PDB file of N, CA and C in Angstrom:
ATOM      1  N   MET A   1     157.451 -76.814 -81.348  1.00  0.00           N
ATOM      2  CA  MET A   1     158.551 -77.663 -80.600  1.00  0.00           C
ATOM      3  C   MET A   1     157.853 -79.226 -80.331  1.00  0.00           C
ATOM      4  N   GLN A   2     158.628 -80.195 -80.193  1.00  0.00           N
ATOM      5  CA  GLN A   2     158.414 -81.719 -80.329  1.00  0.00           C
ATOM      6  C   GLN A   2     158.710 -81.621 -79.126  1.00  0.00           C
ATOM      7  N   LEU A   3     157.954 -82.731 -78.170  1.00  0.00           N
ATOM      8  CA  LEU A   3     158.525 -83.170 -76.793  1.00  0.00           C
ATOM      9  C   LEU A   3     158.454 -84.886 -77.260  1.00  0.00           C
ATOM     10  N   LYS A   4     159.783 -85.360 -76.361  1.00  0.00           N
ATOM     11  CA  LYS A   4     159.454 -87.177 -76.780  1.00  0.00           C
ATOM     12  C   LYS A   4     160.065 -87.420 -75.547  1.00  0.00           C
ATOM     13  N   GLU A   5     159.702 -88.235 -74.595  1.00  0.00           N
ATOM     14  CA  GLU A   5     159.753 -88.970 -73.134  1.00  0.00           C
ATOM     15  C   GLU A   5     160.463 -90.199 -73.382  1.00  0.00           C
ATOM     16  N   GLU A   6     160.993 -90.395 -72.275  1.00  0.00           N
ATOM     17  CA  GLU A   6     161.580 -91.876 -71.869  1.00  0.00           C
ATOM     18  C   GLU A   6     161.719 -92.350 -70.512  1.00  0.00           C
ATOM     19  N   GLN A   7     161.219 -92.544 -69.977  1.00  0.00           N
ATOM     20  CA  GLN A   7     161.638 -92.997 -68.561  1.00  0.00           C
ATOM     21  C   GLN A   7     162.813 -93.682 -68.394  1.00  0.00           C
ATOM     22  N   ARG A   8     163.859 -93.587 -67.861  1.00  0.00           N
ATOM     23  CA  ARG A   8     165.213 -93.933 -67.690  1.00  0.00           C
ATOM     24  C   ARG A   8     165.190 -94.132 -65.922  1.00  0.00           C
ATOM     25  N   GLY A   9     165.033 -95.400 -65.200  1.00  0.00           N
ATOM     26  CA  GLY A   9     164.892 -95.262 -64.128  1.00  0.00           C
ATOM     27  C   GLY A   9     163.635 -94.755 -63.355  1.00  0.00           C
ATOM     28  N   LYS A  10     164.528 -93.609 -62.245  1.00  0.00           N
ATOM     29  CA  LYS A  10     163.683 -92.751 -61.366  1.00  0.00           C
ATOM     30  C   LYS A  10     163.714 -91.316 -62.178  1.00  0.00           C
ATOM     31  N   TYR A  11     164.353 -91.447 -63.533  1.00  0.00           N
ATOM     32  CA  TYR A  11     164.004 -89.981 -64.559  1.00  0.00           C
ATOM     33  C   TYR A  11     163.261 -89.972 -65.630  1.00  0.00           C
ATOM     34  N   LEU A  12     162.858 -88.862 -65.777  1.00  0.00           N
ATOM     35  CA  LEU A  12     162.006 -88.736 -67.200  1.00  0.00           C
ATOM     36  C   LEU A  12     162.527 -87.874 -67.863  1.00  0.00           C
ATOM     37  N   LEU A  13     163.252 -88.643 -68.890  1.00  0.00           N
ATOM     38  CA  LEU A  13     164.100 -87.577 -69.854  1.00  0.00           C
ATOM     39  C   LEU A  13     163.003 -87.391 -70.834  1.00  0.00           C
ATOM     40  N   ILE A  14     163.344 -85.952 -71.305  1.00  0.00           N
ATOM     41  CA  ILE A  14     162.604 -85.524 -72.005  1.00  0.00           C
ATOM     42  C   ILE A  14     163.474 -84.459 -73.195  1.00  0.00           C
ATOM     43  N   PHE A  15     163.325 -84.955 -74.485  1.00  0.00           N
ATOM     44  CA  PHE A  15     164.019 -84.342 -75.857  1.00  0.00           C
ATOM     45  C   PHE A  15     162.863 -83.388 -76.246  1.00  0.00           C
ATOM     46  N   ALA A  16     163.470 -81.952 -76.165  1.00  0.00           N
ATOM     47  CA  ALA A  16     163.014 -81.188 -76.773  1.00  0.00           C
ATOM     48  C   ALA A  16     163.487 -80.707 -78.088  1.00  0.00           C
ATOM     49  N   ALA A  17     162.697 -80.646 -78.854  1.00  0.00           N
ATOM     50  CA  ALA A  17     163.219 -79.906 -80.565  1.00  0.00           C
ATOM     51  C   ALA A  17     162.328 -78.565 -80.849  1.00  0.00           C
ATOM     52  N   GLY A  18     163.141 -77.820 -81.042  1.00  0.00           N
ATOM     53  CA  GLY A  18     162.326 -76.764 -81.788  1.00  0.00           C
ATOM     54  C   GLY A  18     162.483 -75.657 -80.750  1.00  0.00           C
ATOM     55  N   ARG A  19     161.623 -74.172 -80.907  1.00  0.00           N
ATOM     56  CA  ARG A  19     161.823 -73.171 -80.445  1.00  0.00           C
ATOM     57  C   ARG A  19     160.945 -73.294 -79.124  1.00  0.00           C
ATOM     58  N   LEU A  20     161.820 -72.902 -77.953  1.00  0.00           N
ATOM     59  CA  LEU A  20     160.633 -72.716 -77.126  1.00  0.00           C
ATOM     60  C   LEU A  20     160.406 -70.852 -76.422  1.00  0.00           C
ATOM     61  N   ASP A  21     159.549 -70.831 -77.647  1.00  0.00           N
ATOM     62  CA  ASP A  21     159.174 -69.027 -77.096  1.00  0.00           C
ATOM     63  C   ASP A  21     157.534 -68.956 -77.040  1.00  0.00           C
ATOM     64  N   ALA A  22     157.274 -67.786 -76.865  1.00  0.00           N
ATOM     65  CA  ALA A  22     155.468 -67.726 -76.872  1.00  0.00           C
ATOM     66  C   ALA A  22     154.533 -68.222 -76.897  1.00  0.00           C
ATOM     67  N   SER A  23     154.803 -68.623 -78.544  1.00  0.00           N
ATOM     68  CA  SER A  23     153.767 -69.507 -79.056  1.00  0.00           C
ATOM     69  C   SER A  23     153.767 -71.161 -78.225  1.00  0.00           C
ATOM     70  N   TRP A  24     154.887 -71.503 -77.830  1.00  0.00           N
ATOM     71  CA  TRP A  24     155.150 -72.713 -77.347  1.00  0.00           C
ATOM     72  C   TRP A  24     155.069 -73.026 -75.562  1.00  0.00           C
ATOM     73  N   SER A  25     155.502 -71.874 -74.993  1.00  0.00           N
ATOM     74  CA  SER A  25     155.579 -71.921 -73.658  1.00  0.00           C
ATOM     75  C   SER A  25     154.806 -72.620 -72.735  1.00  0.00           C
ATOM     76  N   ASP A  26     153.220 -72.160 -73.451  1.00  0.00           N
ATOM     77  CA  ASP A  26     152.398 -72.910 -72.586  1.00  0.00           C
ATOM     78  C   ASP A  26     151.786 -74.570 -72.691  1.00  0.00           C
ATOM     79  N   TYR A  27     152.467 -74.765 -73.879  1.00  0.00           N
ATOM     80  CA  TYR A  27     151.836 -76.013 -73.837  1.00  0.00           C
ATOM     81  C   TYR A  27     153.123 -77.026 -73.501  1.00  0.00           C
ATOM     82  N   PHE A  28     154.452 -76.309 -73.482  1.00  0.00           N
ATOM     83  CA  PHE A  28     155.484 -77.153 -72.938  1.00  0.00           C
ATOM     84  C   PHE A  28     155.224 -77.375 -71.384  1.00  0.00           C
ATOM     85  N   ARG A  29     154.977 -76.044 -70.816  1.00  0.00           N
ATOM     86  CA  ARG A  29     154.722 -76.118 -69.098  1.00  0.00           C
ATOM     87  C   ARG A  29     153.349 -77.222 -68.947  1.00  0.00           C
ATOM     88  N   ASP A  30     152.501 -76.888 -69.646  1.00  0.00           N
ATOM     89  CA  ASP A  30     151.651 -78.003 -69.535  1.00  0.00           C
ATOM     90  C   ASP A  30     151.321 -79.710 -69.725  1.00  0.00           C
ATOM     91  N   GLU A  31     152.403 -79.683 -70.706  1.00  0.00           N
ATOM     92  CA  GLU A  31     153.105 -81.450 -70.801  1.00  0.00           C
ATOM     93  C   GLU A  31     153.644 -81.610 -69.801  1.00  0.00           C
ATOM     94  N   ILE A  32     154.582 -80.797 -69.533  1.00  0.00           N
ATOM     95  CA  ILE A  32     155.530 -81.186 -68.361  1.00  0.00           C
ATOM     96  C   ILE A  32     154.780 -81.119 -66.771  1.00  0.00           C
ATOM     97  N   LEU A  33     153.918 -80.304 -66.452  1.00  0.00           N
ATOM     98  CA  LEU A  33     153.194 -80.375 -65.285  1.00  0.00           C
ATOM     99  C   LEU A  33     152.153 -81.564 -65.333  1.00  0.00           C
ATOM    100  N   LYS A  34     151.952 -81.925 -66.240  1.00  0.00           N
ATOM    101  CA  LYS A  34     151.084 -83.297 -66.690  1.00  0.00           C
ATOM    102  C   LYS A  34     152.057 -84.775 -65.891  1.00  0.00           C
ATOM    103  N   HIS A  35     153.109 -84.889 -66.674  1.00  0.00           N
ATOM    104  CA  HIS A  35     154.049 -85.374 -66.222  1.00  0.00           C
ATOM    105  C   HIS A  35     154.225 -85.746 -64.503  1.00  0.00           C
ATOM    106  N   ILE A  36     154.595 -84.349 -63.846  1.00  0.00           N
ATOM    107  CA  ILE A  36     154.978 -84.277 -62.354  1.00  0.00           C
ATOM    108  C   ILE A  36     153.258 -84.451 -61.761  1.00  0.00           C
ATOM    109  N   ARG A  37     152.203 -84.188 -62.395  1.00  0.00           N
ATOM    110  CA  ARG A  37     151.126 -84.858 -61.351  1.00  0.00           C
ATOM    111  C   ARG A  37     150.939 -86.171 -61.356  1.00  0.00           C
ATOM    112  N   ASN A  38     151.503 -86.483 -62.408  1.00  0.00           N
ATOM    113  CA  ASN A  38     151.634 -88.238 -62.810  1.00  0.00           C
ATOM    114  C   ASN A  38     152.824 -89.056 -61.769  1.00  0.00           C
ATOM    115  N   GLY A  39     153.394 -88.397 -61.155  1.00  0.00           N
ATOM    116  CA  GLY A  39     154.489 -88.471 -60.406  1.00  0.00           C
ATOM    117  C   GLY A  39     155.828 -89.002 -60.821  1.00  0.00           C
ATOM    118  N   HIS A  40     156.030 -88.093 -61.805  1.00  0.00           N
ATOM    119  CA  HIS A  40     157.445 -87.933 -62.628  1.00  0.00           C
ATOM    120  C   HIS A  40     158.159 -86.837 -61.975  1.00  0.00           C
ATOM    121  N   HIS A  41     158.862 -86.887 -60.616  1.00  0.00           N
ATOM    122  CA  HIS A  41     159.515 -85.733 -60.104  1.00  0.00           C
ATOM    123  C   HIS A  41     161.133 -85.684 -60.183  1.00  0.00           C
ATOM    124  N   TYR A  42     161.462 -86.418 -61.118  1.00  0.00           N
ATOM    125  CA  TYR A  42     163.074 -86.206 -61.310  1.00  0.00           C
ATOM    126  C   TYR A  42     162.611 -85.972 -63.064  1.00  0.00           C
ATOM    127  N   ILE A  43     162.950 -84.776 -63.594  1.00  0.00           N
ATOM    128  CA  ILE A  43     162.822 -84.540 -65.053  1.00  0.00           C
ATOM    129  C   ILE A  43     164.273 -83.664 -65.430  1.00  0.00           C
ATOM    130  N   VAL A  44     164.721 -84.715 -66.527  1.00  0.00           N
ATOM    131  CA  VAL A  44     165.794 -84.252 -67.175  1.00  0.00           C
ATOM    132  C   VAL A  44     165.389 -83.909 -68.820  1.00  0.00           C
ATOM    133  N   LEU A  45     166.000 -82.623 -69.493  1.00  0.00           N
ATOM    134  CA  LEU A  45     165.294 -82.181 -70.312  1.00  0.00           C
ATOM    135  C   LEU A  45     166.590 -82.396 -71.105  1.00  0.00           C
ATOM    136  N   ASP A  46     166.766 -82.850 -72.173  1.00  0.00           N
ATOM    137  CA  ASP A  46     167.886 -82.995 -73.446  1.00  0.00           C
ATOM    138  C   ASP A  46     167.646 -81.767 -74.317  1.00  0.00           C
ATOM    139  N   GLY A  47     168.372 -80.801 -74.600  1.00  0.00           N
ATOM    140  CA  GLY A  47     168.379 -80.033 -75.155  1.00  0.00           C
ATOM    141  C   GLY A  47     169.024 -79.837 -76.544  1.00  0.00           C
ATOM    142  N   THR A  48     169.593 -81.172 -77.024  1.00  0.00           N
ATOM    143  CA  THR A  48     170.134 -80.749 -77.893  1.00  0.00           C
ATOM    144  C   THR A  48     169.758 -80.445 -79.225  1.00  0.00           C
ATOM    145  N   GLU A  49     168.366 -80.447 -79.472  1.00  0.00           N
ATOM    146  CA  GLU A  49     167.883 -79.671 -80.119  1.00  0.00           C
ATOM    147  C   GLU A  49     166.687 -78.694 -80.182  1.00  0.00           C
ATOM    148  N   SER A  50     166.906 -77.620 -79.095  1.00  0.00           N
ATOM    149  CA  SER A  50     166.365 -76.728 -78.740  1.00  0.00           C
ATOM    150  C   SER A  50     167.239 -75.480 -79.553  1.00  0.00           C
ATOM    151  N   VAL A  51     166.892 -75.340 -80.349  1.00  0.00           N
ATOM    152  CA  VAL A  51     167.048 -73.933 -81.253  1.00  0.00           C
ATOM    153  C   VAL A  51     166.828 -72.546 -80.307  1.00  0.00           C
ATOM    154  N   PHE A  52     166.150 -72.390 -79.556  1.00  0.00           N
ATOM    155  CA  PHE A  52     165.819 -71.233 -79.112  1.00  0.00           C
ATOM    156  C   PHE A  52     165.232 -71.181 -77.788  1.00  0.00           C
ATOM    157  N   LEU A  53     165.007 -69.812 -76.826  1.00  0.00           N
ATOM    158  CA  LEU A  53     164.745 -69.928 -75.342  1.00  0.00           C
ATOM    159  C   LEU A  53     164.336 -68.576 -75.336  1.00  0.00           C
ATOM    160  N   SER A  54     162.953 -68.180 -75.178  1.00  0.00           N
ATOM    161  CA  SER A  54     162.649 -66.896 -74.882  1.00  0.00           C
ATOM    162  C   SER A  54     162.354 -66.314 -73.444  1.00  0.00           C
ATOM    163  N   SER A  55     161.944 -65.559 -72.823  1.00  0.00           N
ATOM    164  CA  SER A  55     161.750 -65.178 -71.924  1.00  0.00           C
ATOM    165  C   SER A  55     160.725 -66.068 -71.422  1.00  0.00           C
ATOM    166  N   ALA A  56     159.426 -65.973 -72.061  1.00  0.00           N
ATOM    167  CA  ALA A  56     158.218 -66.828 -72.034  1.00  0.00           C
ATOM    168  C   ALA A  56     158.488 -68.528 -72.019  1.00  0.00           C
ATOM    169  N   GLY A  57     159.808 -68.782 -72.712  1.00  0.00           N
ATOM    170  CA  GLY A  57     159.937 -69.932 -72.323  1.00  0.00           C
ATOM    171  C   GLY A  57     160.694 -70.410 -70.994  1.00  0.00           C
ATOM    172  N   ILE A  58     161.551 -69.260 -70.684  1.00  0.00           N
ATOM    173  CA  ILE A  58     161.923 -69.237 -69.368  1.00  0.00           C
ATOM    174  C   ILE A  58     161.015 -69.376 -68.120  1.00  0.00           C
ATOM    175  N   ARG A  59     160.369 -68.270 -68.555  1.00  0.00           N
ATOM    176  CA  ARG A  59     158.861 -68.139 -67.795  1.00  0.00           C
ATOM    177  C   ARG A  59     158.224 -69.793 -67.406  1.00  0.00           C
ATOM    178  N   SER A  60     157.757 -70.656 -68.340  1.00  0.00           N
ATOM    179  CA  SER A  60     157.776 -71.909 -68.472  1.00  0.00           C
ATOM    180  C   SER A  60     158.299 -72.620 -67.481  1.00  0.00           C
ATOM    181  N   ILE A  61     159.886 -72.501 -67.821  1.00  0.00           N
ATOM    182  CA  ILE A  61     160.486 -73.655 -67.293  1.00  0.00           C
ATOM    183  C   ILE A  61     160.950 -72.984 -65.498  1.00  0.00           C
ATOM    184  N   LEU A  62     160.676 -72.001 -65.483  1.00  0.00           N
ATOM    185  CA  LEU A  62     160.571 -71.745 -63.966  1.00  0.00           C
ATOM    186  C   LEU A  62     159.427 -71.979 -63.187  1.00  0.00           C
ATOM    187  N   GLN A  63     158.080 -72.465 -63.814  1.00  0.00           N
ATOM    188  CA  GLN A  63     156.890 -72.574 -63.336  1.00  0.00           C
ATOM    189  C   GLN A  63     157.151 -74.315 -63.183  1.00  0.00           C
ATOM    190  N   VAL A  64     157.885 -74.906 -63.891  1.00  0.00           N
ATOM    191  CA  VAL A  64     157.993 -76.262 -63.911  1.00  0.00           C
ATOM    192  C   VAL A  64     158.753 -76.560 -62.353  1.00  0.00           C
ATOM    193  N   TYR A  65     159.973 -75.650 -62.609  1.00  0.00           N
ATOM    194  CA  TYR A  65     161.133 -76.031 -61.921  1.00  0.00           C
ATOM    195  C   TYR A  65     160.279 -75.808 -60.155  1.00  0.00           C
ATOM    196  N   LYS A  66     159.474 -74.418 -60.061  1.00  0.00           N
ATOM    197  CA  LYS A  66     158.791 -74.439 -58.924  1.00  0.00           C
ATOM    198  C   LYS A  66     158.261 -75.460 -58.371  1.00  0.00           C
ATOM    199  N   GLU A  67     157.239 -76.108 -59.372  1.00  0.00           N
ATOM    200  CA  GLU A  67     156.279 -77.264 -58.767  1.00  0.00           C
ATOM    201  C   GLU A  67     157.248 -78.593 -58.693  1.00  0.00           C
ATOM    202  N   LEU A  68     158.263 -78.737 -59.341  1.00  0.00           N
ATOM    203  CA  LEU A  68     159.366 -79.980 -58.592  1.00  0.00           C
ATOM    204  C   LEU A  68     159.787 -79.829 -57.604  1.00  0.00           C
ATOM    205  N   LYS A  69     160.340 -78.461 -57.089  1.00  0.00           N
ATOM    206  CA  LYS A  69     160.856 -77.998 -55.795  1.00  0.00           C
ATOM    207  C   LYS A  69     159.813 -78.352 -54.717  1.00  0.00           C
ATOM    208  N   THR A  70     158.449 -77.853 -55.155  1.00  0.00           N
ATOM    209  CA  THR A  70     157.415 -78.510 -54.130  1.00  0.00           C
ATOM    210  C   THR A  70     157.096 -79.845 -54.011  1.00  0.00           C
ATOM    211  N   VAL A  71     157.557 -80.882 -54.658  1.00  0.00           N
ATOM    212  CA  VAL A  71     157.632 -82.005 -54.153  1.00  0.00           C
ATOM    213  C   VAL A  71     158.844 -83.060 -54.605  1.00  0.00           C
ATOM    214  N   GLN A  72     159.646 -82.059 -53.774  1.00  0.00           N
ATOM    215  CA  GLN A  72     160.833 -82.366 -53.688  1.00  0.00           C
ATOM    216  C   GLN A  72     161.904 -83.310 -55.019  1.00  0.00           C
ATOM    217  N   GLY A  73     161.041 -82.504 -55.951  1.00  0.00           N
ATOM    218  CA  GLY A  73     162.075 -83.133 -57.416  1.00  0.00           C
ATOM    219  C   GLY A  73     163.267 -82.432 -57.666  1.00  0.00           C
ATOM    220  N   SER A  74     163.450 -83.113 -58.780  1.00  0.00           N
ATOM    221  CA  SER A  74     164.790 -82.241 -59.319  1.00  0.00           C
ATOM    222  C   SER A  74     164.582 -81.824 -60.462  1.00  0.00           C
ATOM    223  N   PHE A  75     165.059 -81.221 -61.619  1.00  0.00           N
ATOM    224  CA  PHE A  75     164.971 -80.524 -63.013  1.00  0.00           C
ATOM    225  C   PHE A  75     166.557 -80.253 -63.148  1.00  0.00           C
ATOM    226  N   LEU A  76     166.741 -80.669 -64.733  1.00  0.00           N
ATOM    227  CA  LEU A  76     168.175 -80.371 -65.257  1.00  0.00           C
ATOM    228  C   LEU A  76     167.878 -80.850 -66.580  1.00  0.00           C
ATOM    229  N   ILE A  77     168.841 -79.224 -67.260  1.00  0.00           N
ATOM    230  CA  ILE A  77     168.906 -79.143 -68.473  1.00  0.00           C
ATOM    231  C   ILE A  77     170.132 -79.589 -69.076  1.00  0.00           C
ATOM    232  N   VAL A  78     170.329 -80.561 -69.839  1.00  0.00           N
ATOM    233  CA  VAL A  78     171.646 -81.257 -70.355  1.00  0.00           C
ATOM    234  C   VAL A  78     171.618 -81.270 -72.052  1.00  0.00           C
ATOM    235  N   ASN A  79     172.652 -81.274 -72.570  1.00  0.00           N
ATOM    236  CA  ASN A  79     173.190 -81.158 -73.900  1.00  0.00           C
ATOM    237  C   ASN A  79     172.531 -79.424 -74.384  1.00  0.00           C
ATOM    238  N   ALA A  80     172.730 -78.963 -73.670  1.00  0.00           N
ATOM    239  CA  ALA A  80     171.963 -77.417 -74.365  1.00  0.00           C
ATOM    240  C   ALA A  80     172.445 -76.782 -75.418  1.00  0.00           C
ATOM    241  N   THR A  81     171.998 -76.263 -76.643  1.00  0.00           N
ATOM    242  CA  THR A  81     172.774 -75.642 -77.749  1.00  0.00           C
ATOM    243  C   THR A  81     173.673 -74.464 -76.898  1.00  0.00           C
ATOM    244  N   SER A  82     174.050 -73.823 -78.058  1.00  0.00           N
ATOM    245  CA  SER A  82     175.127 -72.861 -77.366  1.00  0.00           C
ATOM    246  C   SER A  82     174.408 -71.557 -76.924  1.00  0.00           C
ATOM    247  N   PHE A  83     173.013 -71.475 -77.932  1.00  0.00           N
ATOM    248  CA  PHE A  83     172.191 -70.337 -77.718  1.00  0.00           C
ATOM    249  C   PHE A  83     171.294 -70.346 -76.491  1.00  0.00           C
ATOM    250  N   VAL A  84     170.808 -71.464 -76.273  1.00  0.00           N
ATOM    251  CA  VAL A  84     170.171 -71.686 -74.902  1.00  0.00           C
ATOM    252  C   VAL A  84     171.077 -71.884 -73.766  1.00  0.00           C
ATOM    253  N   ASN A  85     171.990 -72.318 -73.807  1.00  0.00           N
ATOM    254  CA  ASN A  85     172.846 -72.245 -72.536  1.00  0.00           C
ATOM    255  C   ASN A  85     173.101 -71.087 -72.330  1.00  0.00           C
ATOM    256  N   GLN A  86     173.787 -70.142 -73.502  1.00  0.00           N
ATOM    257  CA  GLN A  86     174.292 -68.393 -73.585  1.00  0.00           C
ATOM    258  C   GLN A  86     172.917 -67.877 -72.896  1.00  0.00           C
ATOM    259  N   THR A  87     171.627 -68.166 -73.169  1.00  0.00           N
ATOM    260  CA  THR A  87     170.303 -67.271 -72.955  1.00  0.00           C
ATOM    261  C   THR A  87     170.532 -67.554 -71.125  1.00  0.00           C
ATOM    262  N   LEU A  88     170.512 -68.973 -70.968  1.00  0.00           N
ATOM    263  CA  LEU A  88     170.262 -69.480 -69.134  1.00  0.00           C
ATOM    264  C   LEU A  88     171.112 -68.808 -68.563  1.00  0.00           C
ATOM    265  N   LYS A  89     172.747 -68.871 -68.877  1.00  0.00           N
ATOM    266  CA  LYS A  89     173.590 -67.956 -68.087  1.00  0.00           C
ATOM    267  C   LYS A  89     173.269 -66.420 -67.840  1.00  0.00           C
ATOM    268  N   THR A  90     173.044 -65.611 -69.093  1.00  0.00           N
ATOM    269  CA  THR A  90     172.631 -64.256 -68.854  1.00  0.00           C
ATOM    270  C   THR A  90     171.482 -64.147 -68.350  1.00  0.00           C
ATOM    271  N   SER A  91     170.356 -64.721 -68.211  1.00  0.00           N
ATOM    272  CA  SER A  91     169.370 -64.686 -67.003  1.00  0.00           C
ATOM    273  C   SER A  91     169.558 -65.118 -65.729  1.00  0.00           C
ATOM    274  N   GLY A  92     170.850 -65.582 -65.237  1.00  0.00           N
ATOM    275  CA  GLY A  92     170.975 -66.418 -64.124  1.00  0.00           C
ATOM    276  C   GLY A  92     170.403 -67.348 -63.580  1.00  0.00           C
ATOM    277  N   PHE A  93     169.754 -68.498 -64.514  1.00  0.00           N
ATOM    278  CA  PHE A  93     169.145 -69.871 -64.399  1.00  0.00           C
ATOM    279  C   PHE A  93     170.285 -70.688 -64.976  1.00  0.00           C
ATOM    280  N   TYR A  94     171.341 -70.692 -64.574  1.00  0.00           N
ATOM    281  CA  TYR A  94     172.531 -71.610 -65.030  1.00  0.00           C
ATOM    282  C   TYR A  94     172.621 -72.465 -63.888  1.00  0.00           C
ATOM    283  N   VAL A  95     171.922 -72.802 -63.080  1.00  0.00           N
ATOM    284  CA  VAL A  95     171.752 -73.812 -61.902  1.00  0.00           C
ATOM    285  C   VAL A  95     170.873 -74.792 -62.809  1.00  0.00           C
ATOM    286  N   TRP A  96     169.987 -74.438 -63.627  1.00  0.00           N
ATOM    287  CA  TRP A  96     169.380 -75.586 -64.098  1.00  0.00           C
ATOM    288  C   TRP A  96     170.152 -76.426 -65.075  1.00  0.00           C
ATOM    289  N   LEU A  97     171.275 -75.728 -65.535  1.00  0.00           N
ATOM    290  CA  LEU A  97     172.485 -76.339 -66.522  1.00  0.00           C
ATOM    291  C   LEU A  97     172.837 -77.398 -66.281  1.00  0.00           C
ATOM    292  N   GLY A  98     173.267 -78.829 -66.652  1.00  0.00           N
ATOM    293  CA  GLY A  98     174.104 -79.498 -66.021  1.00  0.00           C
ATOM    294  C   GLY A  98     175.360 -80.105 -67.372  1.00  0.00           C
ATOM    295  N   GLU A  99     176.318 -80.575 -66.915  1.00  0.00           N
ATOM    296  CA  GLU A  99     177.534 -81.042 -67.760  1.00  0.00           C
ATOM    297  C   GLU A  99     176.888 -81.958 -68.570  1.00  0.00           C
ATOM    298  N   GLN A 100     176.472 -83.273 -67.714  1.00  0.00           N
ATOM    299  CA  GLN A 100     175.962 -84.288 -68.180  1.00  0.00           C
ATOM    300  C   GLN A 100     174.819 -84.732 -67.436  1.00  0.00           C
ATOM    301  N   ILE A 101     174.441 -86.192 -68.087  1.00  0.00           N
ATOM    302  CA  ILE A 101     173.321 -86.798 -67.211  1.00  0.00           C
ATOM    303  C   ILE A 101     173.872 -86.772 -66.065  1.00  0.00           C
ATOM    304  N   PRO A 102     172.627 -87.202 -65.390  1.00  0.00           N
ATOM    305  CA  PRO A 102     173.109 -87.701 -63.868  1.00  0.00           C
ATOM    306  C   PRO A 102     173.703 -88.993 -64.261  1.00  0.00           C
ATOM    307  N   GLN A 103     174.560 -89.496 -63.160  1.00  0.00           N
ATOM    308  CA  GLN A 103     175.546 -90.429 -63.633  1.00  0.00           C
ATOM    309  C   GLN A 103     174.566 -91.504 -62.832  1.00  0.00           C
ATOM    310  N   ASP A 104     173.589 -91.430 -61.909  1.00  0.00           N
ATOM    311  CA  ASP A 104     172.641 -92.595 -61.915  1.00  0.00           C
ATOM    312  C   ASP A 104     171.739 -92.939 -62.449  1.00  0.00           C
ATOM    313  N   MET A 105     171.475 -92.476 -64.146  1.00  0.00           N
ATOM    314  CA  MET A 105     170.094 -92.692 -64.722  1.00  0.00           C
ATOM    315  C   MET A 105     170.713 -93.647 -65.572  1.00  0.00           C
ATOM    316  N   PRO A 106     169.972 -94.660 -65.747  1.00  0.00           N
ATOM    317  CA  PRO A 106     170.322 -95.877 -66.632  1.00  0.00           C
ATOM    318  C   PRO A 106     170.491 -95.863 -68.117  1.00  0.00           C
ATOM    319  N   ASP A 107     171.459 -96.186 -68.961  1.00  0.00           N
ATOM    320  CA  ASP A 107     171.525 -95.401 -70.410  1.00  0.00           C
ATOM    321  C   ASP A 107     170.236 -95.903 -71.314  1.00  0.00           C
ATOM    322  N   SER A 108     169.282 -96.528 -71.109  1.00  0.00           N
ATOM    323  CA  SER A 108     168.680 -97.111 -71.920  1.00  0.00           C
ATOM    324  C   SER A 108     167.203 -96.897 -70.975  1.00  0.00           C
ATOM    325  N   ALA A 109     166.138 -97.125 -72.271  1.00  0.00           N
ATOM    326  CA  ALA A 109     164.639 -96.687 -71.477  1.00  0.00           C
ATOM    327  C   ALA A 109     163.968 -97.825 -70.169  1.00  0.00           C
ATOM    328  N   SER A 110     163.560 -97.523 -69.673  1.00  0.00           N
ATOM    329  CA  SER A 110     163.140 -98.710 -68.869  1.00  0.00           C
ATOM    330  C   SER A 110     161.564 -99.166 -68.962  1.00  0.00           C
ATOM    331  N   VAL A 111     161.597 -99.826 -68.017  1.00  0.00           N
ATOM    332  CA  VAL A 111     160.215-100.444 -68.435  1.00  0.00           C
ATOM    333  C   VAL A 111     159.578-100.544 -67.141  1.00  0.00           C
ATOM    334  N   GLU A 112     158.367 -99.595 -66.792  1.00  0.00           N
ATOM    335  CA  GLU A 112     157.455 -99.495 -65.666  1.00  0.00           C
ATOM    336  C   GLU A 112     156.530-100.573 -65.387  1.00  0.00           C
ATOM    337  N   ALA A 113     156.606-101.246 -64.093  1.00  0.00           N
ATOM    338  CA  ALA A 113     155.687-102.377 -63.807  1.00  0.00           C
ATOM    339  C   ALA A 113     154.462-101.387 -63.520  1.00  0.00           C
ATOM    340  N   ASP A 114     153.482-102.390 -63.700  1.00  0.00           N
ATOM    341  CA  ASP A 114     151.850-101.713 -63.548  1.00  0.00           C
ATOM    342  C   ASP A 114     151.426-101.656 -62.590  1.00  0.00           C
ATOM    343  N   ASP A 115     151.010-100.720 -61.547  1.00  0.00           N
ATOM    344  CA  ASP A 115     150.993-100.690 -60.186  1.00  0.00           C
ATOM    345  C   ASP A 115     149.373-101.682 -59.744  1.00  0.00           C
TER     346      ASP A 115
END
């Protein structure tokens, strides 16, 4: 699994490519939790290149989702492949799926000022 991030306004857009399965679920969870600890509380996952999602992957997303809810953040998966889309719908986690990116997300990466 490969993760690439872009800051777009208040959102952290994460491009996930590959398989989110038992082999990669801990890596995925740990990487996203680092971002949350660093203040990124609005996360959008672009699933265009996510080809597989297992129960272990769902569990890692659930952990991320719960952490974001604790800090009043948000989590959304956009552009999910048909397999990932169907897996989330079948397992009851369709609330994570978005038809499109949030309307208030800028079209390009933003530059954050240093504090």
